C-alpha cells in the first residue's frame, strides 16, 4: 500500500525504541502525519464504531492544537500526535481484518 510504508516510517521515526529525531525530522514527520490523517479519517468513516470514533476524535484533537513553542514541546506534541495516529491505524487494521 503506497501510504502505509511511509506512514510506518514516520511513526518509527518518532516512536521507535531508539528514536531521537532532530528538529528537521520532527517537522517532516509532523507534516507526513498531518497529510495522511484526512485519508485515515475517510477510511474510519466507513468502519465506524465507538473505539474508531474515539480514536478519530483523539487524533483530530491533537491535530487541531496550535504548534507548541520550543523544541521539547514540539517533539512531545508530535509524539502525542503519532501515538494518536498509531492508535487509529491499529483499530482500522483490526476493523479491516
Protein backbone atom coordinates (compact mmCIF):
# COMPACT_ATOMS: atom_id res chain seq x y z
CA UNK A 1 0.00 0.00 0.00
CA UNK A 2 1.62 3.30 -1.10
CA UNK A 3 0.59 5.23 2.02
CA UNK A 4 1.25 2.55 4.60
CA UNK A 5 5.04 2.17 4.31
CA UNK A 6 5.81 5.91 4.59
CA UNK A 7 3.33 6.13 7.46
CA UNK A 8 5.11 3.31 9.29
CA UNK A 9 8.46 5.03 8.67
CA UNK A 10 7.09 8.32 10.05
CA UNK A 11 5.74 6.62 13.16
CA UNK A 12 9.00 4.74 13.69
CA UNK A 13 10.96 7.99 13.36
CA UNK A 14 9.35 9.45 16.46
CA UNK A 15 8.09 6.41 18.39
CA UNK A 16 10.74 3.79 17.69
CA UNK A 17 12.72 2.25 20.50
CA UNK A 18 15.84 4.22 19.60
CA UNK A 19 14.09 7.28 18.13
CA UNK A 20 15.83 10.55 18.86
CA UNK A 21 14.70 12.75 15.99
CA UNK A 22 16.11 16.19 15.43
CA UNK A 23 14.03 19.28 14.71
CA UNK A 24 14.05 18.72 10.94
CA UNK A 25 12.89 15.10 11.28
CA UNK A 26 10.17 16.15 13.74
CA UNK A 27 8.90 18.74 11.25
CA UNK A 28 8.95 16.22 8.39
CA UNK A 29 7.16 13.60 10.45
CA UNK A 30 4.57 16.06 11.68
CA UNK A 31 3.86 17.11 8.09
CA UNK A 32 3.57 13.48 6.96
CA UNK A 33 1.17 12.61 9.76
CA UNK A 34 -0.93 15.71 9.10
CA UNK A 35 -1.15 14.88 5.40
CA UNK A 36 -2.28 11.27 5.98
CA UNK A 37 -4.83 11.94 8.75
CA UNK A 38 -7.64 13.03 6.37
CA UNK A 39 -7.25 9.74 4.46
CA UNK A 40 -7.38 7.74 7.68
CA UNK A 41 -10.49 9.64 8.75
CA UNK A 42 -12.19 8.83 5.42
CA UNK A 43 -11.40 5.14 5.91
CA UNK A 44 -12.59 5.34 9.52
CA UNK A 45 -15.90 6.84 8.39
CA UNK A 46 -16.62 3.56 6.59
CA UNK A 47 -15.77 1.46 9.65
CA UNK A 48 -17.34 3.40 12.43
CA UNK A 49 -17.66 2.03 15.89
CA UNK A 50 -17.19 3.60 19.29
CA UNK A 51 -13.47 2.81 19.51
CA UNK A 52 -12.74 4.05 15.98
CA UNK A 53 -14.78 7.22 16.53
CA UNK A 54 -12.93 7.89 19.79
CA UNK A 55 -9.56 7.34 18.08
CA UNK A 56 -10.50 9.73 15.26
CA UNK A 57 -11.58 12.36 17.80
CA UNK A 58 -8.32 11.95 19.73
CA UNK A 59 -6.18 12.29 16.59
CA UNK A 60 -8.14 15.29 15.33
CA UNK A 61 -7.89 16.99 18.73
CA UNK A 62 -4.10 16.75 18.73
CA UNK A 63 -4.02 17.71 15.01
CA UNK A 64 -6.01 20.88 15.74
CA UNK A 65 -3.73 22.07 18.54
CA UNK A 66 -1.52 25.04 17.74
CA UNK A 67 2.14 24.16 17.33
CA UNK A 68 3.96 24.48 20.62
CA UNK A 69 6.92 26.76 21.22
CA UNK A 70 10.28 25.23 21.97
CA UNK A 71 11.85 22.08 20.60
CA UNK A 72 10.97 19.81 23.53
CA UNK A 73 7.29 20.78 23.41
CA UNK A 74 7.17 20.40 19.63
CA UNK A 75 8.76 16.95 19.95
CA UNK A 76 6.26 15.98 22.64
CA UNK A 77 3.32 17.24 20.62
CA UNK A 78 4.46 15.35 17.53
CA UNK A 79 4.89 12.19 19.59
CA UNK A 80 1.39 12.59 21.05
CA UNK A 81 0.05 13.04 17.53
CA UNK A 82 1.96 9.96 16.36
CA UNK A 83 0.55 7.89 19.24
CA UNK A 84 -2.98 9.02 18.34
CA UNK A 85 -2.44 8.17 14.66
CA UNK A 86 -0.94 4.80 15.58
CA UNK A 87 -3.97 4.01 17.74
CA UNK A 88 -6.28 4.87 14.86
CA UNK A 89 -4.25 2.77 12.41
CA UNK A 90 -4.29 -0.20 14.80
CA UNK A 91 -8.08 -0.02 15.09
CA UNK A 92 -8.52 0.34 11.32
CA UNK A 93 -6.28 -2.65 10.60
CA UNK A 94 -8.29 -4.66 13.11
CA UNK A 95 -11.59 -3.50 11.57
CA UNK A 96 -10.44 -4.38 8.05
CA UNK A 97 -9.17 -7.83 9.08
